[in-house]
């Protein structure tokens, strides 16, 4: 799984840039084979994962404050 760096707008001032590492969701297939029931396939999808790398360079908010606000607004 590879992450990509993305720039988000600051949720407080909407002028500064926040650097975040984003790991997109992936599909996984699990197979189980039994003598009685044969083969079964189950698909599952992982969640998106965001890691905030920096605080706001404009208003000076810390990365913890920015991460909390982005989670409250359902952006990450």
PDB file of N, CA and C in Angstrom:
ATOM      1  N   UNK A   1       0.856  -1.170   0.000  1.00  0.00           N
ATOM      2  CA  UNK A   1       0.000   0.000   0.000  1.00  0.00           C
ATOM      3  C   UNK A   1       0.900   1.230   0.000  1.00  0.00           C
ATOM      4  N   UNK A   2       0.637   2.125  -0.907  1.00  0.00           N
ATOM      5  CA  UNK A   2       1.443   3.324  -1.045  1.00  0.00           C
ATOM      6  C   UNK A   2       0.632   4.557  -0.741  1.00  0.00           C
ATOM      7  N   UNK A   3       1.238   5.460  -0.001  1.00  0.00           N
ATOM      8  CA  UNK A   3       0.567   6.713   0.323  1.00  0.00           C
ATOM      9  C   UNK A   3       0.953   7.812  -0.642  1.00  0.00           C
ATOM     10  N   UNK A   4       0.090   8.784  -0.751  1.00  0.00           N
ATOM     11  CA  UNK A   4       0.341   9.948  -1.595  1.00  0.00           C
ATOM     12  C   UNK A   4       0.222  11.195  -0.747  1.00  0.00           C
ATOM     13  N   UNK A   5       1.133  12.141  -0.968  1.00  0.00           N
ATOM     14  CA  UNK A   5       1.061  13.411  -0.258  1.00  0.00           C
ATOM     15  C   UNK A   5       0.038  14.301  -0.941  1.00  0.00           C
ATOM     16  N   UNK A   6      -0.821  14.906  -0.117  1.00  0.00           N
ATOM     17  CA  UNK A   6      -1.839  15.816  -0.637  1.00  0.00           C
ATOM     18  C   UNK A   6      -1.830  17.091   0.184  1.00  0.00           C
ATOM     19  N   UNK A   7      -2.221  18.178  -0.457  1.00  0.00           N
ATOM     20  CA  UNK A   7      -2.347  19.460   0.234  1.00  0.00           C
ATOM     21  C   UNK A   7      -3.823  19.752   0.462  1.00  0.00           C
ATOM     22  N   UNK A   8      -4.173  20.037   1.706  1.00  0.00           N
ATOM     23  CA  UNK A   8      -5.540  20.392   2.070  1.00  0.00           C
ATOM     24  C   UNK A   8      -5.562  21.829   2.548  1.00  0.00           C
ATOM     25  N   UNK A   9      -6.709  22.478   2.429  1.00  0.00           N
ATOM     26  CA  UNK A   9      -6.858  23.822   2.964  1.00  0.00           C
ATOM     27  C   UNK A   9      -7.074  23.750   4.466  1.00  0.00           C
ATOM     28  N   UNK A  10      -6.556  24.734   5.167  1.00  0.00           N
ATOM     29  CA  UNK A  10      -6.719  24.783   6.616  1.00  0.00           C
ATOM     30  C   UNK A  10      -8.205  24.945   6.946  1.00  0.00           C
ATOM     31  N   UNK A  11      -8.745  24.135   7.875  1.00  0.00           N
ATOM     32  CA  UNK A  11     -10.169  24.242   8.211  1.00  0.00           C
ATOM     33  C   UNK A  11     -10.487  25.483   9.046  1.00  0.00           C
ATOM     34  N   UNK A  12      -9.474  26.156   9.580  1.00  0.00           N
ATOM     35  CA  UNK A  12      -9.701  27.337  10.401  1.00  0.00           C
ATOM     36  C   UNK A  12      -9.688  28.615   9.564  1.00  0.00           C
ATOM     37  N   UNK A  13      -8.599  28.863   8.848  1.00  0.00           N
ATOM     38  CA  UNK A  13      -8.484  30.125   8.099  1.00  0.00           C
ATOM     39  C   UNK A  13      -8.788  29.967   6.611  1.00  0.00           C
ATOM     40  N   UNK A  14      -8.776  28.747   6.097  1.00  0.00           N
ATOM     41  CA  UNK A  14      -9.028  28.426   4.685  1.00  0.00           C
ATOM     42  C   UNK A  14      -8.074  29.139   3.732  1.00  0.00           C
ATOM     43  N   UNK A  15      -6.904  29.519   4.232  1.00  0.00           N
ATOM     44  CA  UNK A  15      -5.883  30.155   3.392  1.00  0.00           C
ATOM     45  C   UNK A  15      -4.595  29.358   3.402  1.00  0.00           C
ATOM     46  N   UNK A  16      -4.273  28.751   4.542  1.00  0.00           N
ATOM     47  CA  UNK A  16      -3.031  27.998   4.678  1.00  0.00           C
ATOM     48  C   UNK A  16      -3.139  26.603   4.086  1.00  0.00           C
ATOM     49  N   UNK A  17      -1.995  25.988   3.875  1.00  0.00           N
ATOM     50  CA  UNK A  17      -1.920  24.642   3.310  1.00  0.00           C
ATOM     51  C   UNK A  17      -1.512  23.653   4.397  1.00  0.00           C
ATOM     52  N   UNK A  18      -2.181  22.513   4.402  1.00  0.00           N
ATOM     53  CA  UNK A  18      -1.887  21.412   5.310  1.00  0.00           C
ATOM     54  C   UNK A  18      -1.361  20.264   4.461  1.00  0.00           C
ATOM     55  N   UNK A  19      -0.233  19.693   4.842  1.00  0.00           N
ATOM     56  CA  UNK A  19       0.309  18.550   4.118  1.00  0.00           C
ATOM     57  C   UNK A  19      -0.141  17.280   4.835  1.00  0.00           C
ATOM     58  N   UNK A  20      -0.739  16.370   4.070  1.00  0.00           N
ATOM     59  CA  UNK A  20      -1.255  15.123   4.641  1.00  0.00           C
ATOM     60  C   UNK A  20      -0.837  13.955   3.766  1.00  0.00           C
ATOM     61  N   UNK A  21      -0.597  12.830   4.409  1.00  0.00           N
ATOM     62  CA  UNK A  21      -0.285  11.588   3.715  1.00  0.00           C
ATOM     63  C   UNK A  21      -1.575  10.773   3.658  1.00  0.00           C
ATOM     64  N   UNK A  22      -1.991  10.402   2.432  1.00  0.00           N
ATOM     65  CA  UNK A  22      -3.268   9.730   2.233  1.00  0.00           C
ATOM     66  C   UNK A  22      -3.030   8.330   1.690  1.00  0.00           C
ATOM     67  N   UNK A  23      -3.573   7.332   2.403  1.00  0.00           N
ATOM     68  CA  UNK A  23      -3.565   5.945   1.943  1.00  0.00           C
ATOM     69  C   UNK A  23      -4.993   5.608   1.541  1.00  0.00           C
ATOM     70  N   UNK A  24      -5.271   5.476   0.229  1.00  0.00           N
ATOM     71  CA  UNK A  24      -6.646   5.187  -0.201  1.00  0.00           C
ATOM     72  C   UNK A  24      -7.083   3.784   0.201  1.00  0.00           C
ATOM     73  N   UNK A  25      -8.386   3.574   0.209  1.00  0.00           N
ATOM     74  CA  UNK A  25      -8.938   2.266   0.579  1.00  0.00           C
ATOM     75  C   UNK A  25      -8.633   1.244  -0.521  1.00  0.00           C
ATOM     76  N   UNK A  26      -8.558  -0.009  -0.111  1.00  0.00           N
ATOM     77  CA  UNK A  26      -8.288  -1.100  -1.054  1.00  0.00           C
ATOM     78  C   UNK A  26      -9.260  -2.244  -0.798  1.00  0.00           C
ATOM     79  N   UNK A  27      -9.538  -3.020  -1.852  1.00  0.00           N
ATOM     80  CA  UNK A  27     -10.372  -4.209  -1.737  1.00  0.00           C
ATOM     81  C   UNK A  27      -9.479  -5.414  -1.502  1.00  0.00           C
ATOM     82  N   UNK A  28      -9.906  -6.304  -0.607  1.00  0.00           N
ATOM     83  CA  UNK A  28      -9.179  -7.535  -0.340  1.00  0.00           C
ATOM     84  C   UNK A  28     -10.145  -8.704  -0.493  1.00  0.00           C
ATOM     85  N   UNK A  29      -9.626  -9.782  -1.047  1.00  0.00           N
ATOM     86  CA  UNK A  29     -10.429 -10.990  -1.223  1.00  0.00           C
ATOM     87  C   UNK A  29      -9.859 -12.085  -0.325  1.00  0.00           C
ATOM     88  N   UNK A  30     -10.751 -12.723   0.425  1.00  0.00           N
ATOM     89  CA  UNK A  30     -10.353 -13.847   1.268  1.00  0.00           C
ATOM     90  C   UNK A  30     -11.131 -15.069   0.805  1.00  0.00           C
ATOM     91  N   UNK A  31     -10.419 -16.172   0.629  1.00  0.00           N
ATOM     92  CA  UNK A  31     -11.059 -17.416   0.209  1.00  0.00           C
ATOM     93  C   UNK A  31     -10.878 -18.461   1.291  1.00  0.00           C
ATOM     94  N   UNK A  32     -11.921 -19.224   1.497  1.00  0.00           N
ATOM     95  CA  UNK A  32     -11.839 -20.357   2.418  1.00  0.00           C
ATOM     96  C   UNK A  32     -12.379 -21.579   1.699  1.00  0.00           C
ATOM     97  N   UNK A  33     -11.688 -22.681   1.875  1.00  0.00           N
ATOM     98  CA  UNK A  33     -12.076 -23.920   1.213  1.00  0.00           C
ATOM     99  C   UNK A  33     -12.273 -24.997   2.274  1.00  0.00           C
ATOM    100  N   UNK A  34     -13.447 -25.627   2.253  1.00  0.00           N
ATOM    101  CA  UNK A  34     -13.727 -26.743   3.159  1.00  0.00           C
ATOM    102  C   UNK A  34     -14.248 -27.920   2.345  1.00  0.00           C
ATOM    103  N   UNK A  35     -14.121 -29.087   2.895  1.00  0.00           N
ATOM    104  CA  UNK A  35     -14.594 -30.291   2.196  1.00  0.00           C
ATOM    105  C   UNK A  35     -16.116 -30.312   2.109  1.00  0.00           C
ATOM    106  N   UNK A  36     -16.777 -29.791   3.137  1.00  0.00           N
ATOM    107  CA  UNK A  36     -18.231 -29.843   3.177  1.00  0.00           C
ATOM    108  C   UNK A  36     -18.885 -28.773   2.321  1.00  0.00           C
ATOM    109  N   UNK A  37     -18.426 -27.529   2.465  1.00  0.00           N
ATOM    110  CA  UNK A  37     -19.092 -26.407   1.797  1.00  0.00           C
ATOM    111  C   UNK A  37     -18.397 -25.953   0.522  1.00  0.00           C
ATOM    112  N   UNK A  38     -17.254 -26.470   0.200  1.00  0.00           N
ATOM    113  CA  UNK A  38     -16.545 -26.057  -1.002  1.00  0.00           C
ATOM    114  C   UNK A  38     -15.819 -24.736  -0.783  1.00  0.00           C
ATOM    115  N   UNK A  39     -15.765 -23.937  -1.817  1.00  0.00           N
ATOM    116  CA  UNK A  39     -15.017 -22.681  -1.780  1.00  0.00           C
ATOM    117  C   UNK A  39     -15.951 -21.501  -1.524  1.00  0.00           C
ATOM    118  N   UNK A  40     -15.514 -20.594  -0.663  1.00  0.00           N
ATOM    119  CA  UNK A  40     -16.268 -19.355  -0.401  1.00  0.00           C
ATOM    120  C   UNK A  40     -15.330 -18.174  -0.576  1.00  0.00           C
ATOM    121  N   UNK A  41     -15.891 -17.113  -1.106  1.00  0.00           N
ATOM    122  CA  UNK A  41     -15.143 -15.890  -1.335  1.00  0.00           C
ATOM    123  C   UNK A  41     -15.757 -14.759  -0.538  1.00  0.00           C
ATOM    124  N   UNK A  42     -14.916 -13.969   0.106  1.00  0.00           N
ATOM    125  CA  UNK A  42     -15.432 -12.831   0.857  1.00  0.00           C
ATOM    126  C   UNK A  42     -14.603 -11.599   0.496  1.00  0.00           C
ATOM    127  N   UNK A  43     -15.280 -10.520   0.102  1.00  0.00           N
ATOM    128  CA  UNK A  43     -14.616  -9.267  -0.226  1.00  0.00           C
ATOM    129  C   UNK A  43     -14.774  -8.298   0.933  1.00  0.00           C
ATOM    130  N   UNK A  44     -13.701  -7.572   1.219  1.00  0.00           N
ATOM    131  CA  UNK A  44     -13.776  -6.543   2.252  1.00  0.00           C
ATOM    132  C   UNK A  44     -12.992  -5.327   1.776  1.00  0.00           C
ATOM    133  N   UNK A  45     -13.416  -4.175   2.241  1.00  0.00           N
ATOM    134  CA  UNK A  45     -12.774  -2.922   1.836  1.00  0.00           C
ATOM    135  C   UNK A  45     -12.222  -2.238   3.082  1.00  0.00           C
ATOM    136  N   UNK A  46     -10.964  -1.823   3.003  1.00  0.00           N
ATOM    137  CA  UNK A  46     -10.363  -1.119   4.130  1.00  0.00           C
ATOM    138  C   UNK A  46     -10.779   0.352   4.098  1.00  0.00           C
ATOM    139  N   UNK A  47     -10.552   1.049   5.195  1.00  0.00           N
ATOM    140  CA  UNK A  47     -10.896   2.467   5.279  1.00  0.00           C
ATOM    141  C   UNK A  47      -9.756   3.323   4.736  1.00  0.00           C
ATOM    142  N   UNK A  48     -10.107   4.530   4.306  1.00  0.00           N
ATOM    143  CA  UNK A  48      -9.075   5.507   3.953  1.00  0.00           C
ATOM    144  C   UNK A  48      -8.307   5.874   5.212  1.00  0.00           C
ATOM    145  N   UNK A  49      -7.011   6.101   5.065  1.00  0.00           N
ATOM    146  CA  UNK A  49      -6.211   6.494   6.214  1.00  0.00           C
ATOM    147  C   UNK A  49      -5.489   7.794   5.893  1.00  0.00           C
ATOM    148  N   UNK A  50      -5.600   8.750   6.798  1.00  0.00           N
ATOM    149  CA  UNK A  50      -4.964  10.051   6.645  1.00  0.00           C
ATOM    150  C   UNK A  50      -3.986  10.266   7.793  1.00  0.00           C
ATOM    151  N   UNK A  51      -2.794  10.748   7.461  1.00  0.00           N
ATOM    152  CA  UNK A  51      -1.806  11.127   8.469  1.00  0.00           C
ATOM    153  C   UNK A  51      -1.430  12.579   8.197  1.00  0.00           C
ATOM    154  N   UNK A  52      -1.767  13.444   9.137  1.00  0.00           N
ATOM    155  CA  UNK A  52      -1.470  14.861   8.990  1.00  0.00           C
ATOM    156  C   UNK A  52       0.017  15.073   9.277  1.00  0.00           C
ATOM    157  N   UNK A  53       0.711  15.726   8.339  1.00  0.00           N
ATOM    158  CA  UNK A  53       2.150  15.900   8.452  1.00  0.00           C
ATOM    159  C   UNK A  53       2.564  17.267   8.997  1.00  0.00           C
ATOM    160  N   UNK A  54       1.703  18.282   8.844  1.00  0.00           N
ATOM    161  CA  UNK A  54       2.092  19.628   9.276  1.00  0.00           C
ATOM    162  C   UNK A  54       0.874  20.402   9.749  1.00  0.00           C
ATOM    163  N   UNK A  55       1.145  21.438  10.517  1.00  0.00           N
ATOM    164  CA  UNK A  55       0.098  22.363  10.916  1.00  0.00           C
ATOM    165  C   UNK A  55      -0.084  23.423   9.843  1.00  0.00           C
ATOM    166  N   UNK A  56      -0.898  24.413  10.133  1.00  0.00           N
ATOM    167  CA  UNK A  56      -1.163  25.484   9.170  1.00  0.00           C
ATOM    168  C   UNK A  56       0.021  26.440   9.122  1.00  0.00           C
ATOM    169  N   UNK A  57       0.476  26.758   7.919  1.00  0.00           N
ATOM    170  CA  UNK A  57       1.589  27.695   7.762  1.00  0.00           C
ATOM    171  C   UNK A  57       1.118  29.150   7.742  1.00  0.00           C
ATOM    172  N   UNK A  58      -0.196  29.368   7.764  1.00  0.00           N
ATOM    173  CA  UNK A  58      -0.723  30.729   7.700  1.00  0.00           C
ATOM    174  C   UNK A  58      -1.203  31.222   9.063  1.00  0.00           C
ATOM    175  N   UNK A  59      -2.068  30.440   9.734  1.00  0.00           N
ATOM    176  CA  UNK A  59      -2.613  30.883  11.028  1.00  0.00           C
ATOM    177  C   UNK A  59      -1.866  30.279  12.212  1.00  0.00           C
ATOM    178  N   UNK A  60      -0.993  29.294  11.984  1.00  0.00           N
ATOM    179  CA  UNK A  60      -0.163  28.758  13.047  1.00  0.00           C
ATOM    180  C   UNK A  60      -0.804  27.676  13.910  1.00  0.00           C
ATOM    181  N   UNK A  61      -1.919  27.100  13.482  1.00  0.00           N
ATOM    182  CA  UNK A  61      -2.549  26.018  14.242  1.00  0.00           C
ATOM    183  C   UNK A  61      -1.669  24.762  14.169  1.00  0.00           C
ATOM    184  N   UNK A  62      -1.644  24.001  15.265  1.00  0.00           N
ATOM    185  CA  UNK A  62      -0.815  22.805  15.311  1.00  0.00           C
ATOM    186  C   UNK A  62      -1.464  21.681  14.509  1.00  0.00           C
ATOM    187  N   UNK A  63      -0.679  20.639  14.205  1.00  0.00           N
ATOM    188  CA  UNK A  63      -1.226  19.538  13.415  1.00  0.00           C
ATOM    189  C   UNK A  63      -2.281  18.761  14.185  1.00  0.00           C
ATOM    190  N   UNK A  64      -2.193  18.720  15.527  1.00  0.00           N
ATOM    191  CA  UNK A  64      -3.216  18.042  16.323  1.00  0.00           C
ATOM    192  C   UNK A  64      -4.552  18.783  16.239  1.00  0.00           C
ATOM    193  N   UNK A  65      -4.496  20.133  16.323  1.00  0.00           N
ATOM    194  CA  UNK A  65      -5.728  20.929  16.214  1.00  0.00           C
ATOM    195  C   UNK A  65      -6.354  20.788  14.833  1.00  0.00           C
ATOM    196  N   UNK A  66      -5.511  20.810  13.807  1.00  0.00           N
ATOM    197  CA  UNK A  66      -5.996  20.696  12.427  1.00  0.00           C
ATOM    198  C   UNK A  66      -6.625  19.321  12.202  1.00  0.00           C
ATOM    199  N   UNK A  67      -5.972  18.260  12.685  1.00  0.00           N
ATOM    200  CA  UNK A  67      -6.500  16.905  12.512  1.00  0.00           C
ATOM    201  C   UNK A  67      -7.846  16.742  13.205  1.00  0.00           C
ATOM    202  N   UNK A  68      -7.974  17.284  14.411  1.00  0.00           N
ATOM    203  CA  UNK A  68      -9.240  17.198  15.152  1.00  0.00           C
ATOM    204  C   UNK A  68     -10.360  17.904  14.405  1.00  0.00           C
ATOM    205  N   UNK A  69     -10.079  19.094  13.876  1.00  0.00           N
ATOM    206  CA  UNK A  69     -11.088  19.870  13.151  1.00  0.00           C
ATOM    207  C   UNK A  69     -11.486  19.177  11.834  1.00  0.00           C
ATOM    208  N   UNK A  70     -10.504  18.613  11.111  1.00  0.00           N
ATOM    209  CA  UNK A  70     -10.801  17.920   9.856  1.00  0.00           C
ATOM    210  C   UNK A  70     -11.670  16.681  10.109  1.00  0.00           C
ATOM    211  N   UNK A  71     -11.441  15.978  11.229  1.00  0.00           N
ATOM    212  CA  UNK A  71     -12.271  14.820  11.566  1.00  0.00           C
ATOM    213  C   UNK A  71     -13.674  15.246  11.955  1.00  0.00           C
ATOM    214  N   UNK A  72     -13.808  16.385  12.637  1.00  0.00           N
ATOM    215  CA  UNK A  72     -15.143  16.885  13.001  1.00  0.00           C
ATOM    216  C   UNK A  72     -15.946  17.251  11.761  1.00  0.00           C
ATOM    217  N   UNK A  73     -15.275  17.773  10.740  1.00  0.00           N
ATOM    218  CA  UNK A  73     -15.956  18.174   9.507  1.00  0.00           C
ATOM    219  C   UNK A  73     -16.082  17.028   8.499  1.00  0.00           C
ATOM    220  N   UNK A  74     -15.674  15.808   8.895  1.00  0.00           N
ATOM    221  CA  UNK A  74     -15.735  14.618   8.039  1.00  0.00           C
ATOM    222  C   UNK A  74     -14.979  14.780   6.724  1.00  0.00           C
ATOM    223  N   UNK A  75     -13.885  15.516   6.762  1.00  0.00           N
ATOM    224  CA  UNK A  75     -13.041  15.654   5.575  1.00  0.00           C
ATOM    225  C   UNK A  75     -12.050  14.499   5.511  1.00  0.00           C
ATOM    226  N   UNK A  76     -11.565  14.087   6.672  1.00  0.00           N
ATOM    227  CA  UNK A  76     -10.677  12.919   6.727  1.00  0.00           C
ATOM    228  C   UNK A  76     -11.309  11.848   7.582  1.00  0.00           C
TER     229      UNK A  76
END
